[in-house]
Amino acid sequence: MESAPNQLPSGRDPSSSPNPKQDLQPYSGSLKPNQVSETVLYGVPIVSLVIDGQERLCLAQISNTLLKSYSYNEIHNRRVALGITCVQCTPVQLEILRRAGAMPISSRRCGMITKREAERLCKSFLGAHNPPKLPENFAFDVTHECAWGSRGSFIPARYNSSRAKCIKCAYCSMYFSPNKFIFHSHRAPESKYTQPDAANFNSWRRHLKLTDKGSSDDVMHAWEDVKIMNHNYAAFHSPFISFPPHFAGVRP
């Protein structure tokens, strides 16, 4: 993907909406706060902004271009289910986005998501996905802190439906589906009780985390891709959920 930053042009009418392709230039040097840029996502240029040291894309612009065939509720519910959190712009940042042509003058707020999150969100709707490539017999070491908490091995090869018993508990060796596993816990001396989120069937995607917080980007991205699978989306009843041949070698 290409990126291109720009400083706000001086003396421009705040109500104007310049052509981003004319105003945005390639990145050079380190990222600067509120640096506006352009990223190509699925062939469509999307305006982004540097917030807290990260390049974040304009969710509203993504919704109005790449995902314009879907309703606000569909996009919102999908984003929440994927565990993607929007960072709201400050008034100054919103004005920058207006001048870059990403937001209409009448807009009052705008949510920003990272490039990786934008790719995941669009991928979940548009279905363009390369299955995660992991070693044979690979399993994710996962942990949750619901109730008294627990730890287990998430085996991707067994995760062929939302109810698949694909997690083996590290304490009792029993198998659970992801949603049931977050209600399964073992009390240890250092355990702290946390009320589970029982209201949301898909809440496991928020609560189940990789045990090793220092996992490589490849493993973290593969984990994100696996979590998207077998959701209650028609889009996932497709080749998106297939695994490469080496996944067939995974055994409990």
Protein backbone atom coordinates (compact mmCIF):
# COMPACT_ATOMS: atom_id res chain seq x y z
CA MET A 1 0.00 0.00 0.00
CA GLU A 2 1.17 3.52 -0.64
CA SER A 3 1.05 6.30 1.92
CA ALA A 4 1.21 10.03 1.46
CA PRO A 5 1.24 12.81 4.07
CA ASN A 6 0.64 16.51 3.86
CA GLN A 7 0.53 19.56 6.03
CA LEU A 8 -2.64 21.66 5.99
CA PRO A 9 -2.43 24.33 3.30
CA SER A 10 -2.38 27.81 4.80
CA GLY A 11 -4.98 30.36 3.85
CA ARG A 12 -7.48 27.82 2.55
CA ASP A 13 -11.16 28.26 3.19
CA PRO A 14 -12.08 25.72 5.93
CA SER A 15 -15.29 24.90 4.06
CA SER A 16 -13.42 23.78 0.94
CA SER A 17 -12.80 20.12 0.11
CA PRO A 18 -9.56 19.80 -1.87
CA ASN A 19 -8.75 16.82 -4.04
CA PRO A 20 -6.68 14.50 -1.80
CA LYS A 21 -4.67 13.19 -4.77
CA GLN A 22 -3.46 16.73 -5.47
CA ASP A 23 -2.64 17.67 -1.89
CA LEU A 24 -1.22 14.49 -0.36
CA GLN A 25 2.47 13.69 -0.84
CA PRO A 26 4.52 10.54 -0.02
CA TYR A 27 5.69 10.02 3.55
CA SER A 28 9.19 11.14 4.37
CA GLY A 29 10.81 10.73 7.76
CA SER A 30 9.03 9.85 11.01
CA LEU A 31 5.32 10.15 11.63
CA LYS A 32 4.19 13.43 13.13
CA PRO A 33 1.05 14.03 15.25
CA ASN A 34 -1.99 14.94 13.12
CA GLN A 35 -0.07 14.24 9.92
CA VAL A 36 -2.65 13.62 7.21
CA SER A 37 -1.99 10.94 4.60
CA GLU A 38 -3.60 8.68 2.03
CA THR A 39 -3.61 4.88 2.05
CA VAL A 40 -4.83 2.66 -0.76
CA LEU A 41 -7.22 0.02 0.58
CA TYR A 42 -8.69 -2.48 -1.89
CA GLY A 43 -7.74 -0.08 -4.66
CA VAL A 44 -9.55 2.87 -3.07
CA PRO A 45 -7.63 5.86 -1.60
CA ILE A 46 -8.61 6.40 2.04
CA VAL A 47 -7.53 9.40 4.10
CA SER A 48 -5.65 8.64 7.30
CA LEU A 49 -4.27 10.61 10.20
CA VAL A 50 -1.45 10.02 12.66
CA ILE A 51 -3.00 9.71 16.14
CA ASP A 52 -0.88 8.70 19.15
CA GLY A 53 1.93 7.59 16.87
CA GLN A 54 -0.29 5.35 14.72
CA GLU A 55 -1.65 5.85 11.24
CA ARG A 56 -5.44 5.55 11.53
CA LEU A 57 -7.94 5.44 8.68
CA CYS A 58 -11.23 7.31 8.47
CA LEU A 59 -13.99 4.77 9.15
CA ALA A 60 -16.70 7.03 7.72
CA GLN A 61 -14.89 7.24 4.39
CA ILE A 62 -14.44 3.46 4.32
CA SER A 63 -18.16 3.04 5.03
CA ASN A 64 -19.12 5.47 2.25
CA THR A 65 -16.84 3.91 -0.37
CA LEU A 66 -15.75 0.31 0.08
CA LEU A 67 -18.69 -0.68 2.28
CA LYS A 68 -21.38 1.54 0.79
CA SER A 69 -23.56 -1.52 0.05
CA TYR A 70 -23.95 -2.20 3.77
CA SER A 71 -25.99 -0.34 6.37
CA TYR A 72 -24.59 1.57 9.32
CA ASN A 73 -25.89 -1.09 11.71
CA GLU A 74 -24.27 -3.91 9.74
CA ILE A 75 -20.90 -2.16 9.76
CA HIS A 76 -21.20 -1.15 13.43
CA ASN A 77 -22.20 -4.66 14.57
CA ARG A 78 -19.42 -6.27 12.54
CA ARG A 79 -16.84 -3.85 13.93
CA VAL A 80 -17.92 -4.54 17.52
CA ALA A 81 -17.93 -8.29 16.95
CA LEU A 82 -14.39 -8.13 15.60
CA GLY A 83 -13.25 -6.22 18.66
CA ILE A 84 -12.28 -3.12 16.67
CA THR A 85 -12.42 0.08 18.73
CA CYS A 86 -12.76 3.50 17.13
CA VAL A 87 -10.69 6.43 18.31
CA GLN A 88 -12.76 9.60 18.07
CA CYS A 89 -11.18 12.66 16.48
CA THR A 90 -10.67 15.91 18.30
CA PRO A 91 -12.26 19.02 16.72
CA VAL A 92 -8.87 19.96 15.25
CA GLN A 93 -8.41 16.50 13.73
CA LEU A 94 -11.94 16.54 12.34
CA GLU A 95 -11.19 19.85 10.61
CA ILE A 96 -8.06 18.30 9.09
CA LEU A 97 -10.15 15.43 7.70
CA ARG A 98 -12.69 17.88 6.28
CA ARG A 99 -9.96 19.81 4.48
CA ALA A 100 -8.51 16.55 3.14
CA GLY A 101 -11.91 15.72 1.62
CA ALA A 102 -12.58 12.69 3.83
CA MET A 103 -15.51 14.16 5.74
CA PRO A 104 -18.35 16.50 4.75
CA ILE A 105 -18.46 19.98 6.26
CA SER A 106 -21.60 19.06 8.22
CA SER A 107 -19.87 16.20 10.06
CA ARG A 108 -19.61 16.50 13.83
CA ARG A 109 -17.43 13.50 14.64
CA CYS A 110 -15.38 10.76 13.02
CA GLY A 111 -14.04 7.42 14.23
CA MET A 112 -10.55 6.30 13.22
CA ILE A 113 -9.24 2.72 13.07
CA THR A 114 -5.79 1.34 12.33
CA LYS A 115 -4.83 0.13 8.87
CA ARG A 116 -4.76 -3.49 10.09
CA GLU A 117 -8.23 -3.11 11.61
CA ALA A 118 -9.52 -1.54 8.39
CA GLU A 119 -8.16 -4.49 6.41
CA ARG A 120 -9.85 -6.96 8.77
CA LEU A 121 -13.17 -5.12 8.64
CA CYS A 122 -13.20 -4.89 4.84
CA LYS A 123 -12.01 -8.47 4.51
CA SER A 124 -14.92 -9.70 6.62
CA PHE A 125 -17.39 -8.07 4.20
CA LEU A 126 -15.61 -8.43 0.89
CA GLY A 127 -14.26 -11.90 1.48
CA ALA A 128 -10.75 -11.39 0.08
CA HIS A 129 -8.69 -13.54 2.43
CA ASN A 130 -5.58 -15.68 2.42
CA PRO A 131 -5.90 -18.39 5.11
CA PRO A 132 -3.40 -18.10 7.97
CA LYS A 133 -0.25 -20.10 7.31
CA LEU A 134 0.83 -21.82 10.50
CA PRO A 135 3.13 -24.76 11.24
CA GLU A 136 1.75 -28.30 11.31
CA ASN A 137 0.19 -29.25 14.66
CA PHE A 138 0.01 -25.59 15.62
CA ALA A 139 -2.23 -24.45 18.47
CA PHE A 140 -2.69 -20.99 19.97
CA ASP A 141 -1.91 -20.73 23.69
CA VAL A 142 -4.90 -18.75 24.95
CA THR A 143 -6.11 -17.32 28.25
CA HIS A 144 -9.30 -15.75 29.55
CA GLU A 145 -10.03 -13.93 32.80
CA CYS A 146 -13.79 -14.50 33.03
CA ALA A 147 -14.92 -15.85 36.42
CA TRP A 148 -11.70 -17.30 37.88
CA GLY A 149 -10.01 -17.52 34.51
CA SER A 150 -8.44 -20.39 32.59
CA ARG A 151 -5.83 -21.28 30.00
CA GLY A 152 -5.95 -23.64 27.06
CA SER A 153 -4.85 -24.60 23.56
CA PHE A 154 -6.97 -23.31 20.68
CA ILE A 155 -6.60 -25.79 17.81
CA PRO A 156 -7.47 -24.09 14.48
CA ALA A 157 -7.96 -27.37 12.61
CA ARG A 158 -10.86 -28.27 14.93
CA TYR A 159 -12.56 -24.88 14.58
CA ASN A 160 -14.96 -25.77 11.75
CA SER A 161 -18.12 -24.29 13.28
CA SER A 162 -19.10 -21.83 16.01
CA ARG A 163 -19.88 -24.75 18.35
CA ALA A 164 -16.76 -26.78 17.60
CA LYS A 165 -14.92 -28.04 20.67
CA CYS A 166 -11.57 -26.68 19.60
CA ILE A 167 -10.06 -25.55 22.91
CA LYS A 168 -8.34 -28.01 25.23
CA CYS A 169 -8.19 -26.79 28.82
CA ALA A 170 -4.65 -26.77 30.20
CA TYR A 171 -5.89 -27.75 33.67
CA CYS A 172 -8.42 -30.55 33.13
CA SER A 173 -7.77 -31.49 29.45
CA MET A 174 -11.48 -31.21 28.58
CA TYR A 175 -12.51 -29.72 25.21
CA PHE A 176 -14.81 -26.72 24.83
CA SER A 177 -16.18 -24.45 22.15
CA PRO A 178 -14.80 -20.89 22.42
CA ASN A 179 -18.07 -19.51 23.80
CA LYS A 180 -18.29 -22.25 26.45
CA PHE A 181 -14.62 -22.02 27.35
CA ILE A 182 -14.93 -18.47 28.71
CA PHE A 183 -17.50 -19.83 31.21
CA HIS A 184 -15.10 -22.61 32.24
CA SER A 185 -12.60 -21.62 34.89
CA HIS A 186 -10.23 -22.99 37.51
CA ARG A 187 -9.64 -21.15 40.75
CA ALA A 188 -5.98 -20.65 41.60
CA PRO A 189 -4.54 -18.93 44.69
CA GLU A 190 -3.77 -15.81 42.65
CA SER A 191 -7.08 -15.83 40.74
CA LYS A 192 -9.31 -12.78 40.76
CA TYR A 193 -13.02 -13.20 40.03
CA THR A 194 -14.39 -11.30 37.01
CA GLN A 195 -18.06 -11.38 36.01
CA PRO A 196 -18.41 -13.02 32.56
CA ASP A 197 -20.21 -11.20 29.76
CA ALA A 198 -23.06 -13.67 29.44
CA ALA A 199 -25.29 -11.41 27.34
CA ASN A 200 -23.25 -11.61 24.15
CA PHE A 201 -22.91 -15.00 22.46
CA ASN A 202 -19.81 -13.85 20.60
CA SER A 203 -18.16 -12.19 23.60
CA TRP A 204 -15.40 -14.80 23.60
CA ARG A 205 -13.69 -12.83 20.84
CA ARG A 206 -13.13 -10.01 23.32
CA HIS A 207 -12.25 -12.14 26.33
CA LEU A 208 -10.06 -14.85 24.82
CA LYS A 209 -6.51 -13.58 24.33
CA LEU A 210 -3.11 -14.94 23.43
CA THR A 211 -1.27 -15.88 26.62
CA ASP A 212 2.02 -14.53 25.28
CA LYS A 213 1.55 -10.79 24.90
CA GLY A 214 4.85 -10.67 23.01
CA SER A 215 3.70 -12.96 20.20
CA SER A 216 5.05 -12.19 16.74
CA ASP A 217 2.99 -10.10 14.32
CA ASP A 218 2.44 -13.18 12.13
CA VAL A 219 0.94 -15.14 15.03
CA MET A 220 -1.16 -12.19 16.20
CA HIS A 221 -2.51 -11.59 12.69
CA ALA A 222 -3.26 -15.29 12.25
CA TRP A 223 -5.13 -15.23 15.57
CA GLU A 224 -7.17 -12.24 14.40
CA ASP A 225 -8.03 -14.08 11.17
CA VAL A 226 -9.09 -17.22 13.03
CA LYS A 227 -11.33 -15.24 15.39
CA ILE A 228 -13.25 -13.82 12.44
CA MET A 229 -14.17 -17.30 11.21
CA ASN A 230 -17.50 -19.00 11.84
CA HIS A 231 -19.23 -15.85 12.96
CA ASN A 232 -22.94 -15.41 12.23
CA TYR A 233 -22.14 -13.82 8.87
CA ALA A 234 -23.15 -15.27 5.54
CA ALA A 235 -19.79 -14.06 4.24
CA PHE A 236 -18.02 -16.71 6.27
CA HIS A 237 -19.80 -19.61 4.61
CA SER A 238 -17.22 -19.43 1.84
CA PRO A 239 -13.65 -20.46 0.99
CA PHE A 240 -12.64 -17.84 3.56
CA ILE A 241 -12.77 -20.50 6.27
CA SER A 242 -10.62 -23.07 4.45
CA PHE A 243 -7.16 -23.92 5.73
CA PRO A 244 -4.02 -24.81 3.80
CA PRO A 245 -3.09 -28.52 3.64
CA HIS A 246 -0.64 -28.38 6.56
CA PHE A 247 -3.54 -27.60 8.93
CA ALA A 248 -4.88 -31.11 8.33
CA GLY A 249 -2.01 -32.48 10.36
CA VAL A 250 -3.17 -30.87 13.59
CA ARG A 251 -4.29 -33.42 16.14
CA PRO A 252 -5.53 -32.97 19.70
